[in-house]
Amino acid sequence: MNTNNIKMVEFIEFKRNCSADRVKKSNKLVRFKSKKECVFGELLTDFAFNKQYYIKAIINKDYFLLKNSLGKPFIQFRNERFWYSLSHSGGIISTCVNEFFDVGIDIQSTRTNIKNSHYIFSNLEIKDNIENKFNKFKLWSMKEAVSKLTGQGLKMNFEKINFSKIDNDLYLFKNIYVKTKCICFNSVPYFLSIATYSVHKVKYLEVKLEDIRT
C-alpha cells in the first residue's frame, strides 16, 4: 500500500478506524510519515485478515493480539491462531497473513541508504553488491524477512545468513524458504521478500486507500 500521497485530512478520517492502542502510539510519533505507517499498517493488516479469513480483527471482541516468547506478535481469534508480519519502506507498507504457519515479510526501497553494510553482508556479498547495485537491496530484504520470521530481529547475525537459490524467486537458508520479487511504485523499484518454514504459494494483492475504507 502506497501512503506517500495520503493527506492529513485522509489520515484523520482513517485514524478513527484504528484501535485505541494504535491511536495512542501514533499520537506519540512526530513525523507525519511515521504516523501514516503506524495507522495504515494496522488498517492494512486488518484488511488482509478480512479479505482472506473474513475476520475484522481490530473491532472483533473475539480477537486478541498476543506475543510469543520472542516478542513476535500473532492474532488469537477464538480457538485459532493466525500469524502475520508487517513492513514498510519509502512510504510503502506491506503485510502478510497466514493461518497455518509463521511468516516474516520485508520490503526495501532501492532509494534507501544502507548503513552498516559490514553488519548486513559478508565480504563476498559486499564484493558482489559493487557489481550489481540492486542485488544488495534484494539480499537485505531477504535477510530482514528471515530475522522477522525467527523473531530475532536485529539480534540475528545477518552476515551469517547465506542463501541457496532454488528457483528464480525462491531461496533457502537452513530450513527457511524465502520468496522475493521486485515491484515498482512511482517508477521506484522495491524488493519484497516473504519468509516461511515451508515452500509456499504467495497471493499478492495491491491495496489502495479506497479498498480499506469502511
N, C-alpha and C. Protein backbone atom coordinates (compact mmCIF):
# COMPACT_ATOMS: atom_id res chain seq x y z
N MET A 1 0.84 -1.18 0.00
CA MET A 1 0.00 0.00 0.00
C MET A 1 0.89 1.24 0.00
N ASN A 2 0.59 2.15 -0.92
CA ASN A 2 1.37 3.37 -1.04
C ASN A 2 0.73 4.49 -0.20
N THR A 3 1.46 4.97 0.81
CA THR A 3 0.93 6.02 1.69
C THR A 3 1.52 7.39 1.38
N ASN A 4 2.36 7.48 0.38
CA ASN A 4 3.08 8.74 0.12
C ASN A 4 2.16 9.90 -0.21
N ASN A 5 1.05 9.63 -0.88
CA ASN A 5 0.17 10.72 -1.32
C ASN A 5 -1.03 10.94 -0.39
N ILE A 6 -1.05 10.27 0.74
CA ILE A 6 -2.15 10.43 1.69
C ILE A 6 -2.01 11.76 2.44
N LYS A 7 -3.05 12.57 2.39
CA LYS A 7 -3.03 13.88 3.03
C LYS A 7 -3.53 13.80 4.48
N MET A 8 -3.35 14.90 5.19
CA MET A 8 -3.71 14.94 6.61
C MET A 8 -5.20 14.69 6.82
N VAL A 9 -6.06 15.25 5.97
CA VAL A 9 -7.50 15.07 6.14
C VAL A 9 -7.89 13.59 5.99
N GLU A 10 -7.23 12.89 5.09
CA GLU A 10 -7.49 11.45 4.91
C GLU A 10 -6.94 10.67 6.09
N PHE A 11 -5.77 11.07 6.56
CA PHE A 11 -5.16 10.41 7.71
C PHE A 11 -6.08 10.49 8.92
N ILE A 12 -6.62 11.67 9.19
CA ILE A 12 -7.52 11.85 10.34
C ILE A 12 -8.78 10.99 10.19
N GLU A 13 -9.30 10.94 8.96
CA GLU A 13 -10.50 10.12 8.70
C GLU A 13 -10.25 8.65 9.01
N PHE A 14 -9.15 8.11 8.54
CA PHE A 14 -8.87 6.68 8.70
C PHE A 14 -8.37 6.34 10.10
N LYS A 15 -7.76 7.29 10.75
CA LYS A 15 -7.25 7.07 12.10
C LYS A 15 -8.38 6.70 13.06
N ARG A 16 -9.58 7.19 12.79
CA ARG A 16 -10.74 6.90 13.64
C ARG A 16 -11.09 5.41 13.63
N ASN A 17 -10.64 4.69 12.59
CA ASN A 17 -10.96 3.27 12.48
C ASN A 17 -9.93 2.37 13.15
N CYS A 18 -8.91 2.97 13.74
CA CYS A 18 -7.84 2.19 14.38
C CYS A 18 -8.21 1.82 15.81
N SER A 19 -7.44 0.88 16.36
CA SER A 19 -7.61 0.51 17.76
C SER A 19 -7.10 1.65 18.64
N ALA A 20 -7.54 1.67 19.89
CA ALA A 20 -7.13 2.72 20.82
C ALA A 20 -5.62 2.71 21.05
N ASP A 21 -5.04 1.51 21.12
CA ASP A 21 -3.59 1.39 21.33
C ASP A 21 -2.81 1.98 20.15
N ARG A 22 -3.31 1.74 18.94
CA ARG A 22 -2.63 2.24 17.75
C ARG A 22 -2.75 3.76 17.66
N VAL A 23 -3.89 4.31 18.04
CA VAL A 23 -4.07 5.76 18.05
C VAL A 23 -3.10 6.40 19.04
N LYS A 24 -2.98 5.77 20.21
CA LYS A 24 -2.07 6.30 21.23
C LYS A 24 -0.63 6.26 20.75
N LYS A 25 -0.26 5.18 20.09
CA LYS A 25 1.10 5.05 19.55
C LYS A 25 1.35 6.09 18.47
N SER A 26 0.37 6.29 17.61
CA SER A 26 0.50 7.28 16.54
C SER A 26 0.67 8.69 17.09
N ASN A 27 -0.06 9.00 18.15
CA ASN A 27 0.00 10.34 18.74
C ASN A 27 1.38 10.67 19.31
N LYS A 28 2.13 9.65 19.66
CA LYS A 28 3.46 9.86 20.24
C LYS A 28 4.53 10.11 19.17
N LEU A 29 4.20 9.78 17.93
CA LEU A 29 5.16 9.95 16.85
C LEU A 29 5.18 11.39 16.36
N VAL A 30 6.32 11.83 15.87
CA VAL A 30 6.49 13.22 15.46
C VAL A 30 6.30 13.38 13.96
N ARG A 31 6.98 12.57 13.17
CA ARG A 31 6.94 12.72 11.72
C ARG A 31 5.61 12.21 11.15
N PHE A 32 5.05 12.96 10.21
CA PHE A 32 3.78 12.56 9.59
C PHE A 32 3.92 11.23 8.85
N LYS A 33 5.07 11.01 8.22
CA LYS A 33 5.34 9.76 7.53
C LYS A 33 5.24 8.58 8.50
N SER A 34 5.81 8.73 9.69
CA SER A 34 5.78 7.66 10.69
C SER A 34 4.36 7.43 11.22
N LYS A 35 3.61 8.52 11.38
CA LYS A 35 2.23 8.40 11.83
C LYS A 35 1.40 7.61 10.82
N LYS A 36 1.61 7.90 9.52
CA LYS A 36 0.87 7.19 8.47
C LYS A 36 1.23 5.71 8.47
N GLU A 37 2.50 5.40 8.61
CA GLU A 37 2.93 3.99 8.62
C GLU A 37 2.33 3.25 9.82
N CYS A 38 2.23 3.94 10.93
CA CYS A 38 1.65 3.35 12.14
C CYS A 38 0.16 3.04 11.96
N VAL A 39 -0.58 4.02 11.50
CA VAL A 39 -2.03 3.89 11.36
C VAL A 39 -2.40 2.93 10.23
N PHE A 40 -1.83 3.16 9.06
CA PHE A 40 -2.22 2.35 7.91
C PHE A 40 -1.61 0.96 7.94
N GLY A 41 -0.57 0.78 8.73
CA GLY A 41 -0.04 -0.57 8.93
C GLY A 41 -1.06 -1.46 9.60
N GLU A 42 -1.73 -0.93 10.63
CA GLU A 42 -2.77 -1.71 11.31
C GLU A 42 -3.99 -1.91 10.41
N LEU A 43 -4.40 -0.85 9.71
CA LEU A 43 -5.58 -0.95 8.85
C LEU A 43 -5.34 -1.91 7.68
N LEU A 44 -4.13 -1.92 7.15
CA LEU A 44 -3.80 -2.84 6.06
C LEU A 44 -3.82 -4.28 6.54
N THR A 45 -3.27 -4.53 7.72
CA THR A 45 -3.28 -5.89 8.27
C THR A 45 -4.70 -6.35 8.55
N ASP A 46 -5.52 -5.46 9.06
CA ASP A 46 -6.92 -5.79 9.32
C ASP A 46 -7.65 -6.10 8.01
N PHE A 47 -7.34 -5.33 6.97
CA PHE A 47 -7.93 -5.57 5.65
C PHE A 47 -7.53 -6.95 5.13
N ALA A 48 -6.26 -7.31 5.32
CA ALA A 48 -5.76 -8.59 4.83
C ALA A 48 -6.45 -9.76 5.53
N PHE A 49 -6.62 -9.65 6.84
CA PHE A 49 -7.33 -10.71 7.58
C PHE A 49 -8.78 -10.82 7.13
N ASN A 50 -9.42 -9.69 6.92
CA ASN A 50 -10.81 -9.70 6.49
C ASN A 50 -10.95 -10.25 5.07
N LYS A 51 -10.00 -9.91 4.21
CA LYS A 51 -10.02 -10.37 2.82
C LYS A 51 -9.80 -11.88 2.73
N GLN A 52 -8.88 -12.39 3.54
CA GLN A 52 -8.51 -13.79 3.45
C GLN A 52 -9.37 -14.69 4.33
N TYR A 53 -9.72 -14.21 5.53
CA TYR A 53 -10.40 -15.07 6.50
C TYR A 53 -11.73 -14.50 7.00
N TYR A 54 -12.14 -13.37 6.46
CA TYR A 54 -13.41 -12.73 6.85
C TYR A 54 -13.43 -12.38 8.34
N ILE A 55 -12.27 -11.97 8.85
CA ILE A 55 -12.14 -11.57 10.24
C ILE A 55 -11.83 -10.08 10.30
N LYS A 56 -12.66 -9.32 10.97
CA LYS A 56 -12.35 -7.91 11.24
C LYS A 56 -11.61 -7.87 12.57
N ALA A 57 -10.31 -8.07 12.49
CA ALA A 57 -9.51 -8.30 13.69
C ALA A 57 -9.55 -7.14 14.69
N ILE A 58 -9.53 -5.92 14.18
CA ILE A 58 -9.42 -4.78 15.08
C ILE A 58 -10.67 -4.59 15.93
N ILE A 59 -11.84 -4.75 15.33
CA ILE A 59 -13.07 -4.44 16.04
C ILE A 59 -13.77 -5.67 16.61
N ASN A 60 -13.25 -6.87 16.33
CA ASN A 60 -13.91 -8.09 16.79
C ASN A 60 -13.54 -8.38 18.25
N LYS A 61 -14.53 -8.61 19.07
CA LYS A 61 -14.29 -8.84 20.50
C LYS A 61 -13.63 -10.18 20.78
N ASP A 62 -13.65 -11.08 19.81
CA ASP A 62 -13.01 -12.39 19.98
C ASP A 62 -11.54 -12.38 19.56
N TYR A 63 -11.05 -11.22 19.21
CA TYR A 63 -9.67 -11.10 18.72
C TYR A 63 -8.74 -10.64 19.84
N PHE A 64 -7.56 -11.27 19.91
CA PHE A 64 -6.55 -10.86 20.87
C PHE A 64 -5.20 -10.78 20.15
N LEU A 65 -4.48 -9.70 20.36
CA LEU A 65 -3.13 -9.57 19.84
C LEU A 65 -2.17 -10.00 20.94
N LEU A 66 -1.50 -11.14 20.71
CA LEU A 66 -0.60 -11.71 21.71
C LEU A 66 0.83 -11.78 21.16
N LYS A 67 1.77 -12.14 22.00
CA LYS A 67 3.16 -12.28 21.59
C LYS A 67 3.73 -13.60 22.10
N ASN A 68 4.62 -14.19 21.29
CA ASN A 68 5.27 -15.43 21.73
C ASN A 68 6.45 -15.10 22.63
N SER A 69 7.26 -16.10 22.96
CA SER A 69 8.36 -15.91 23.91
C SER A 69 9.44 -14.96 23.39
N LEU A 70 9.51 -14.78 22.07
CA LEU A 70 10.48 -13.87 21.47
C LEU A 70 9.93 -12.47 21.26
N GLY A 71 8.66 -12.28 21.66
CA GLY A 71 8.04 -10.98 21.48
C GLY A 71 7.41 -10.77 20.12
N LYS A 72 7.29 -11.87 19.34
CA LYS A 72 6.71 -11.77 18.00
C LYS A 72 5.19 -11.84 18.10
N PRO A 73 4.48 -10.86 17.53
CA PRO A 73 3.02 -10.82 17.67
C PRO A 73 2.29 -11.83 16.79
N PHE A 74 1.13 -12.27 17.26
CA PHE A 74 0.24 -13.09 16.46
C PHE A 74 -1.20 -12.81 16.89
N ILE A 75 -2.13 -13.21 16.06
CA ILE A 75 -3.56 -12.99 16.34
C ILE A 75 -4.17 -14.26 16.91
N GLN A 76 -4.82 -14.14 18.06
CA GLN A 76 -5.61 -15.24 18.62
C GLN A 76 -7.08 -14.90 18.40
N PHE A 77 -7.75 -15.69 17.56
CA PHE A 77 -9.16 -15.47 17.26
C PHE A 77 -9.95 -16.70 17.68
N ARG A 78 -10.68 -16.56 18.79
CA ARG A 78 -11.38 -17.70 19.38
C ARG A 78 -10.37 -18.80 19.65
N ASN A 79 -10.52 -19.97 19.02
CA ASN A 79 -9.58 -21.06 19.28
C ASN A 79 -8.51 -21.20 18.20
N GLU A 80 -8.43 -20.22 17.32
CA GLU A 80 -7.49 -20.29 16.21
C GLU A 80 -6.40 -19.24 16.34
N ARG A 81 -5.21 -19.61 15.82
CA ARG A 81 -4.08 -18.69 15.83
C ARG A 81 -3.74 -18.31 14.39
N PHE A 82 -3.52 -17.02 14.17
CA PHE A 82 -3.17 -16.51 12.85
C PHE A 82 -1.86 -15.73 12.96
N TRP A 83 -0.97 -16.00 12.01
CA TRP A 83 0.32 -15.34 12.01
C TRP A 83 0.32 -14.17 11.03
N TYR A 84 1.08 -13.15 11.35
CA TYR A 84 1.20 -12.04 10.41
C TYR A 84 2.54 -11.34 10.60
N SER A 85 2.91 -10.57 9.59
CA SER A 85 4.15 -9.78 9.65
C SER A 85 3.90 -8.49 8.87
N LEU A 86 4.60 -7.43 9.27
CA LEU A 86 4.37 -6.11 8.69
C LEU A 86 5.71 -5.43 8.42
N SER A 87 5.77 -4.68 7.31
CA SER A 87 7.00 -3.98 6.96
C SER A 87 6.66 -2.71 6.19
N HIS A 88 7.55 -1.73 6.25
CA HIS A 88 7.35 -0.50 5.46
C HIS A 88 8.71 0.08 5.08
N SER A 89 8.73 0.73 3.93
CA SER A 89 9.94 1.38 3.43
C SER A 89 9.55 2.39 2.36
N GLY A 90 10.09 3.58 2.46
CA GLY A 90 9.83 4.61 1.45
C GLY A 90 8.36 4.93 1.26
N GLY A 91 7.58 4.84 2.34
CA GLY A 91 6.15 5.16 2.26
C GLY A 91 5.28 4.01 1.78
N ILE A 92 5.88 2.86 1.47
CA ILE A 92 5.13 1.68 1.04
C ILE A 92 5.01 0.70 2.21
N ILE A 93 3.79 0.26 2.48
CA ILE A 93 3.54 -0.68 3.58
C ILE A 93 3.15 -2.03 2.99
N SER A 94 3.70 -3.09 3.56
CA SER A 94 3.35 -4.45 3.12
C SER A 94 3.04 -5.30 4.34
N THR A 95 2.12 -6.24 4.18
CA THR A 95 1.78 -7.15 5.25
C THR A 95 1.53 -8.54 4.69
N CYS A 96 1.67 -9.55 5.53
CA CYS A 96 1.45 -10.93 5.12
C CYS A 96 0.73 -11.65 6.26
N VAL A 97 -0.33 -12.41 5.94
CA VAL A 97 -1.08 -13.14 6.96
C VAL A 97 -1.16 -14.61 6.57
N ASN A 98 -1.23 -15.50 7.58
CA ASN A 98 -1.31 -16.93 7.32
C ASN A 98 -1.91 -17.63 8.53
N GLU A 99 -2.71 -18.67 8.27
CA GLU A 99 -3.34 -19.39 9.37
C GLU A 99 -2.63 -20.70 9.70
N PHE A 100 -1.68 -21.12 8.86
CA PHE A 100 -1.05 -22.42 9.05
C PHE A 100 0.35 -22.37 9.64
N PHE A 101 1.12 -21.34 9.31
CA PHE A 101 2.49 -21.28 9.81
C PHE A 101 2.94 -19.82 9.90
N ASP A 102 3.99 -19.61 10.67
CA ASP A 102 4.51 -18.28 10.91
C ASP A 102 5.10 -17.69 9.63
N VAL A 103 5.14 -16.37 9.56
CA VAL A 103 5.64 -15.67 8.38
C VAL A 103 6.52 -14.49 8.80
N GLY A 104 7.36 -14.07 7.88
CA GLY A 104 8.16 -12.86 8.06
C GLY A 104 8.20 -12.12 6.74
N ILE A 105 7.93 -10.83 6.73
CA ILE A 105 7.90 -10.06 5.48
C ILE A 105 8.79 -8.84 5.61
N ASP A 106 9.39 -8.45 4.49
CA ASP A 106 10.16 -7.21 4.48
C ASP A 106 10.11 -6.59 3.10
N ILE A 107 10.05 -5.27 3.07
CA ILE A 107 10.10 -4.53 1.81
C ILE A 107 11.18 -3.46 1.92
N GLN A 108 11.95 -3.29 0.85
CA GLN A 108 13.03 -2.31 0.86
C GLN A 108 13.00 -1.47 -0.41
N SER A 109 13.02 -0.17 -0.23
CA SER A 109 13.12 0.75 -1.36
C SER A 109 14.57 0.80 -1.83
N THR A 110 14.78 0.86 -3.15
CA THR A 110 16.14 0.95 -3.66
C THR A 110 16.71 2.35 -3.52
N ARG A 111 15.91 3.26 -2.98
CA ARG A 111 16.40 4.61 -2.69
C ARG A 111 16.83 4.75 -1.23
N THR A 112 16.74 3.68 -0.48
CA THR A 112 17.13 3.70 0.92
C THR A 112 18.65 3.70 1.04
N ASN A 113 19.15 4.43 2.01
CA ASN A 113 20.58 4.45 2.28
C ASN A 113 20.92 3.32 3.26
N ILE A 114 21.68 2.33 2.79
CA ILE A 114 22.04 1.19 3.64
C ILE A 114 23.23 1.56 4.52
N LYS A 115 23.00 1.57 5.82
CA LYS A 115 24.07 1.85 6.77
C LYS A 115 24.60 0.53 7.35
N ASN A 116 25.85 0.55 7.79
CA ASN A 116 26.47 -0.62 8.41
C ASN A 116 26.42 -1.85 7.50
N SER A 117 26.86 -1.69 6.26
CA SER A 117 26.84 -2.79 5.30
C SER A 117 27.62 -4.00 5.79
N HIS A 118 28.69 -3.77 6.53
CA HIS A 118 29.51 -4.88 7.02
C HIS A 118 28.78 -5.71 8.07
N TYR A 119 27.77 -5.11 8.68
CA TYR A 119 26.94 -5.87 9.62
C TYR A 119 25.93 -6.74 8.88
N ILE A 120 25.48 -6.28 7.73
CA ILE A 120 24.43 -6.97 6.99
C ILE A 120 24.98 -8.02 6.03
N PHE A 121 26.07 -7.66 5.32
CA PHE A 121 26.58 -8.51 4.24
C PHE A 121 27.94 -9.11 4.57
N SER A 122 28.20 -10.28 4.00
CA SER A 122 29.52 -10.89 4.11
C SER A 122 30.47 -10.18 3.14
N ASN A 123 31.76 -10.44 3.27
CA ASN A 123 32.74 -9.79 2.38
C ASN A 123 32.47 -10.14 0.92
N LEU A 124 32.09 -11.40 0.66
CA LEU A 124 31.78 -11.82 -0.71
C LEU A 124 30.55 -11.10 -1.23
N GLU A 125 29.54 -10.95 -0.38
CA GLU A 125 28.31 -10.25 -0.79
C GLU A 125 28.58 -8.78 -1.06
N ILE A 126 29.44 -8.16 -0.27
CA ILE A 126 29.80 -6.76 -0.48
C ILE A 126 30.48 -6.60 -1.83
N LYS A 127 31.35 -7.55 -2.17
CA LYS A 127 32.03 -7.51 -3.47
C LYS A 127 31.02 -7.66 -4.61
N ASP A 128 30.09 -8.58 -4.47
CA ASP A 128 29.06 -8.78 -5.49
C ASP A 128 28.15 -7.57 -5.61
N ASN A 129 27.87 -6.92 -4.49
CA ASN A 129 26.97 -5.77 -4.49
C ASN A 129 27.54 -4.60 -5.29
N ILE A 130 28.87 -4.50 -5.33
CA ILE A 130 29.51 -3.43 -6.10
C ILE A 130 29.22 -3.63 -7.58
N GLU A 131 29.17 -4.90 -8.00
CA GLU A 131 28.92 -5.22 -9.40
C GLU A 131 27.44 -5.12 -9.75
N ASN A 132 26.57 -5.33 -8.78
CA ASN A 132 25.12 -5.29 -9.01
C ASN A 132 24.48 -4.47 -7.89
N LYS A 133 24.21 -3.18 -8.17
CA LYS A 133 23.76 -2.28 -7.11
C LYS A 133 22.40 -2.65 -6.55
N PHE A 134 21.53 -3.31 -7.36
CA PHE A 134 20.21 -3.68 -6.87
C PHE A 134 20.25 -4.95 -6.04
N ASN A 135 21.28 -5.77 -6.22
CA ASN A 135 21.36 -7.04 -5.52
C ASN A 135 21.40 -6.85 -4.00
N LYS A 136 22.02 -5.74 -3.55
CA LYS A 136 22.14 -5.52 -2.11
C LYS A 136 20.77 -5.28 -1.47
N PHE A 137 19.87 -4.61 -2.21
CA PHE A 137 18.54 -4.37 -1.67
C PHE A 137 17.73 -5.66 -1.62
N LYS A 138 17.90 -6.49 -2.62
CA LYS A 138 17.23 -7.79 -2.65
C LYS A 138 17.70 -8.64 -1.48
N LEU A 139 19.03 -8.72 -1.29
CA LEU A 139 19.59 -9.51 -0.19
C LEU A 139 19.17 -8.96 1.16
N TRP A 140 19.21 -7.66 1.28
CA TRP A 140 18.83 -7.01 2.54
C TRP A 140 17.38 -7.36 2.89
N SER A 141 16.50 -7.26 1.91
CA SER A 141 15.09 -7.59 2.13
C SER A 141 14.93 -9.05 2.54
N MET A 142 15.64 -9.95 1.88
CA MET A 142 15.55 -11.38 2.20
C MET A 142 16.02 -11.67 3.62
N LYS A 143 17.13 -11.04 4.01
CA LYS A 143 17.68 -11.27 5.36
C LYS A 143 16.77 -10.69 6.44
N GLU A 144 16.20 -9.53 6.16
CA GLU A 144 15.26 -8.93 7.11
C GLU A 144 14.03 -9.82 7.29
N ALA A 145 13.54 -10.41 6.20
CA ALA A 145 12.37 -11.30 6.28
C ALA A 145 12.68 -12.51 7.15
N VAL A 146 13.89 -13.06 7.01
CA VAL A 146 14.30 -14.20 7.84
C VAL A 146 14.34 -13.81 9.31
N SER A 147 14.91 -12.65 9.62
CA SER A 147 15.02 -12.20 11.01
C SER A 147 13.65 -11.95 11.63
N LYS A 148 12.69 -11.51 10.81
CA LYS A 148 11.33 -11.28 11.31
C LYS A 148 10.59 -12.59 11.52
N LEU A 149 10.87 -13.57 10.65
CA LEU A 149 10.25 -14.88 10.82
C LEU A 149 10.71 -15.54 12.12
N THR A 150 12.01 -15.50 12.38
CA THR A 150 12.54 -16.14 13.59
C THR A 150 12.23 -15.35 14.85
N GLY A 151 11.92 -14.07 14.70
CA GLY A 151 11.63 -13.24 15.86
C GLY A 151 12.87 -12.64 16.48
N GLN A 152 14.04 -12.89 15.89
CA GLN A 152 15.29 -12.39 16.46
C GLN A 152 15.57 -10.94 16.08
N GLY A 153 15.02 -10.52 14.95
CA GLY A 153 15.20 -9.13 14.54
C GLY A 153 16.67 -8.77 14.39
N LEU A 154 17.04 -7.60 14.91
CA LEU A 154 18.41 -7.11 14.77
C LEU A 154 19.41 -7.90 15.61
N LYS A 155 18.93 -8.78 16.48
CA LYS A 155 19.84 -9.62 17.27
C LYS A 155 20.45 -10.72 16.42
N MET A 156 19.86 -10.98 15.27
CA MET A 156 20.35 -12.03 14.38
C MET A 156 21.62 -11.59 13.68
N ASN A 157 22.52 -12.52 13.44
CA ASN A 157 23.77 -12.23 12.73
C ASN A 157 23.49 -12.26 11.23
N PHE A 158 23.23 -11.09 10.65
CA PHE A 158 22.85 -11.00 9.24
C PHE A 158 23.97 -11.50 8.32
N GLU A 159 25.20 -11.27 8.72
CA GLU A 159 26.33 -11.65 7.89
C GLU A 159 26.37 -13.17 7.65
N LYS A 160 25.83 -13.93 8.60
CA LYS A 160 25.86 -15.39 8.51
C LYS A 160 24.66 -15.96 7.77
N ILE A 161 23.74 -15.11 7.35
CA ILE A 161 22.57 -15.59 6.58
C ILE A 161 22.99 -15.72 5.12
N ASN A 162 23.19 -16.95 4.68
CA ASN A 162 23.61 -17.21 3.31
C ASN A 162 22.57 -18.07 2.62
N PHE A 163 22.17 -17.69 1.43
CA PHE A 163 21.07 -18.34 0.73
C PHE A 163 21.55 -19.26 -0.39
N SER A 164 20.79 -20.34 -0.59
CA SER A 164 20.94 -21.19 -1.76
C SER A 164 19.75 -20.93 -2.67
N LYS A 165 20.01 -20.76 -3.96
CA LYS A 165 18.95 -20.46 -4.90
C LYS A 165 18.25 -21.74 -5.34
N ILE A 166 16.92 -21.79 -5.19
CA ILE A 166 16.13 -22.94 -5.61
C ILE A 166 15.49 -22.68 -6.97
N ASP A 167 14.95 -21.49 -7.12
CA ASP A 167 14.27 -21.11 -8.36
C ASP A 167 14.57 -19.63 -8.61
N ASN A 168 13.94 -19.06 -9.64
CA ASN A 168 14.19 -17.67 -9.98
C ASN A 168 13.90 -16.71 -8.82
N ASP A 169 12.85 -17.00 -8.06
CA ASP A 169 12.46 -16.10 -6.97
C ASP A 169 12.35 -16.82 -5.63
N LEU A 170 12.90 -18.02 -5.52
CA LEU A 170 12.80 -18.80 -4.29
C LEU A 170 14.19 -19.19 -3.79
N TYR A 171 14.45 -18.92 -2.50
CA TYR A 171 15.76 -19.18 -1.90
C TYR A 171 15.60 -19.94 -0.59
N LEU A 172 16.70 -20.58 -0.16
CA LEU A 172 16.67 -21.38 1.06
C LEU A 172 17.83 -20.99 1.97
N PHE A 173 17.51 -20.78 3.24
CA PHE A 173 18.52 -20.59 4.28
C PHE A 173 18.20 -21.57 5.41
N LYS A 174 19.05 -22.58 5.60
CA LYS A 174 18.79 -23.65 6.56
C LYS A 174 17.42 -24.27 6.27
N ASN A 175 16.46 -24.11 7.18
CA ASN A 175 15.11 -24.67 6.95
C ASN A 175 14.09 -23.58 6.63
N ILE A 176 14.58 -22.42 6.18
CA ILE A 176 13.70 -21.28 5.91
C ILE A 176 13.68 -20.99 4.41
N TYR A 177 12.48 -20.90 3.88
CA TYR A 177 12.29 -20.57 2.46
C TYR A 177 11.93 -19.09 2.33
N VAL A 178 12.55 -18.44 1.36
CA VAL A 178 12.28 -17.02 1.14
C VAL A 178 11.90 -16.80 -0.32
N LYS A 179 10.73 -16.22 -0.51
CA LYS A 179 10.25 -15.87 -1.84
C LYS A 179 10.39 -14.36 -2.00
N THR A 180 10.97 -13.92 -3.12
CA THR A 180 11.23 -12.50 -3.29
C THR A 180 10.83 -12.04 -4.68
N LYS A 181 10.47 -10.77 -4.80
CA LYS A 181 10.13 -10.20 -6.09
C LYS A 181 10.40 -8.71 -6.08
N CYS A 182 10.56 -8.15 -7.28
CA CYS A 182 10.77 -6.72 -7.44
C CYS A 182 9.48 -6.09 -7.93
N ILE A 183 9.04 -5.04 -7.25
CA ILE A 183 7.83 -4.31 -7.65
C ILE A 183 8.17 -2.83 -7.74
N CYS A 184 7.37 -2.07 -8.48
CA CYS A 184 7.65 -0.66 -8.67
C CYS A 184 6.48 0.21 -8.23
N PHE A 185 6.81 1.31 -7.55
CA PHE A 185 5.84 2.33 -7.19
C PHE A 185 6.41 3.67 -7.62
N ASN A 186 5.67 4.39 -8.45
CA ASN A 186 6.12 5.68 -8.96
C ASN A 186 7.52 5.58 -9.58
N SER A 187 7.71 4.49 -10.34
CA SER A 187 8.97 4.23 -11.07
C SER A 187 10.15 3.91 -10.16
N VAL A 188 9.91 3.70 -8.87
CA VAL A 188 10.97 3.33 -7.94
C VAL A 188 10.89 1.83 -7.65
N PRO A 189 11.96 1.06 -7.90
CA PRO A 189 11.94 -0.37 -7.61
C PRO A 189 12.00 -0.64 -6.10
N TYR A 190 11.21 -1.60 -5.66
CA TYR A 190 11.22 -2.09 -4.28
C TYR A 190 11.40 -3.61 -4.33
N PHE A 191 12.09 -4.16 -3.32
CA PHE A 191 12.20 -5.61 -3.21
C PHE A 191 11.36 -6.08 -2.03
N LEU A 192 10.48 -7.03 -2.31
CA LEU A 192 9.56 -7.58 -1.33
C LEU A 192 9.91 -9.05 -1.09
N SER A 193 10.13 -9.43 0.16
CA SER A 193 10.51 -10.80 0.49
C SER A 193 9.61 -11.35 1.59
N ILE A 194 9.24 -12.63 1.44
CA ILE A 194 8.41 -13.32 2.43
C ILE A 194 9.10 -14.62 2.83
N ALA A 195 9.29 -14.81 4.13
CA ALA A 195 9.99 -15.99 4.66
C ALA A 195 9.02 -16.88 5.44
N THR A 196 9.12 -18.18 5.21
CA THR A 196 8.32 -19.18 5.93
C THR A 196 9.16 -20.43 6.15
N TYR A 197 8.61 -21.36 6.93
CA TYR A 197 9.31 -22.61 7.19
C TYR A 197 8.91 -23.72 6.22
N SER A 198 8.15 -23.38 5.19
CA SER A 198 7.77 -24.37 4.18
C SER A 198 7.62 -23.68 2.83
N VAL A 199 7.74 -24.46 1.77
CA VAL A 199 7.53 -23.89 0.44
C VAL A 199 6.09 -23.40 0.36
N HIS A 200 5.90 -22.21 -0.11
CA HIS A 200 4.60 -21.58 -0.01
C HIS A 200 4.18 -20.92 -1.31
N LYS A 201 2.89 -20.92 -1.54
CA LYS A 201 2.33 -20.12 -2.61
C LYS A 201 1.97 -18.75 -2.04
N VAL A 202 2.31 -17.73 -2.77
CA VAL A 202 2.06 -16.37 -2.30
C VAL A 202 1.03 -15.70 -3.21
N LYS A 203 -0.01 -15.17 -2.58
CA LYS A 203 -1.02 -14.42 -3.31
C LYS A 203 -0.77 -12.94 -3.07
N TYR A 204 -0.35 -12.23 -4.12
CA TYR A 204 -0.04 -10.80 -4.00
C TYR A 204 -1.26 -9.97 -4.34
N LEU A 205 -1.46 -8.92 -3.58
CA LEU A 205 -2.58 -8.02 -3.82
C LEU A 205 -2.16 -6.59 -3.52
N GLU A 206 -2.29 -5.72 -4.50
CA GLU A 206 -2.00 -4.31 -4.27
C GLU A 206 -3.25 -3.64 -3.72
N VAL A 207 -3.11 -3.03 -2.55
CA VAL A 207 -4.25 -2.42 -1.86
C VAL A 207 -4.14 -0.90 -1.96
N LYS A 208 -5.26 -0.28 -2.30
CA LYS A 208 -5.32 1.17 -2.40
C LYS A 208 -6.18 1.73 -1.26
N LEU A 209 -6.12 3.04 -1.10
CA LEU A 209 -6.80 3.69 0.01
C LEU A 209 -8.29 3.38 0.03
N GLU A 210 -8.92 3.41 -1.13
CA GLU A 210 -10.35 3.17 -1.18
C GLU A 210 -10.73 1.73 -0.81
N ASP A 211 -9.77 0.81 -0.91
CA ASP A 211 -10.04 -0.59 -0.57
C ASP A 211 -10.26 -0.79 0.92
N ILE A 212 -9.59 0.02 1.73
CA ILE A 212 -9.71 -0.18 3.17
C ILE A 212 -10.70 0.79 3.82
N ARG A 213 -11.39 1.55 3.01
CA ARG A 213 -12.37 2.48 3.54
C ARG A 213 -13.57 1.70 4.09
N THR A 214 -13.96 1.96 5.33
CA THR A 214 -15.06 1.21 5.95
C THR A 214 -16.35 2.01 5.88
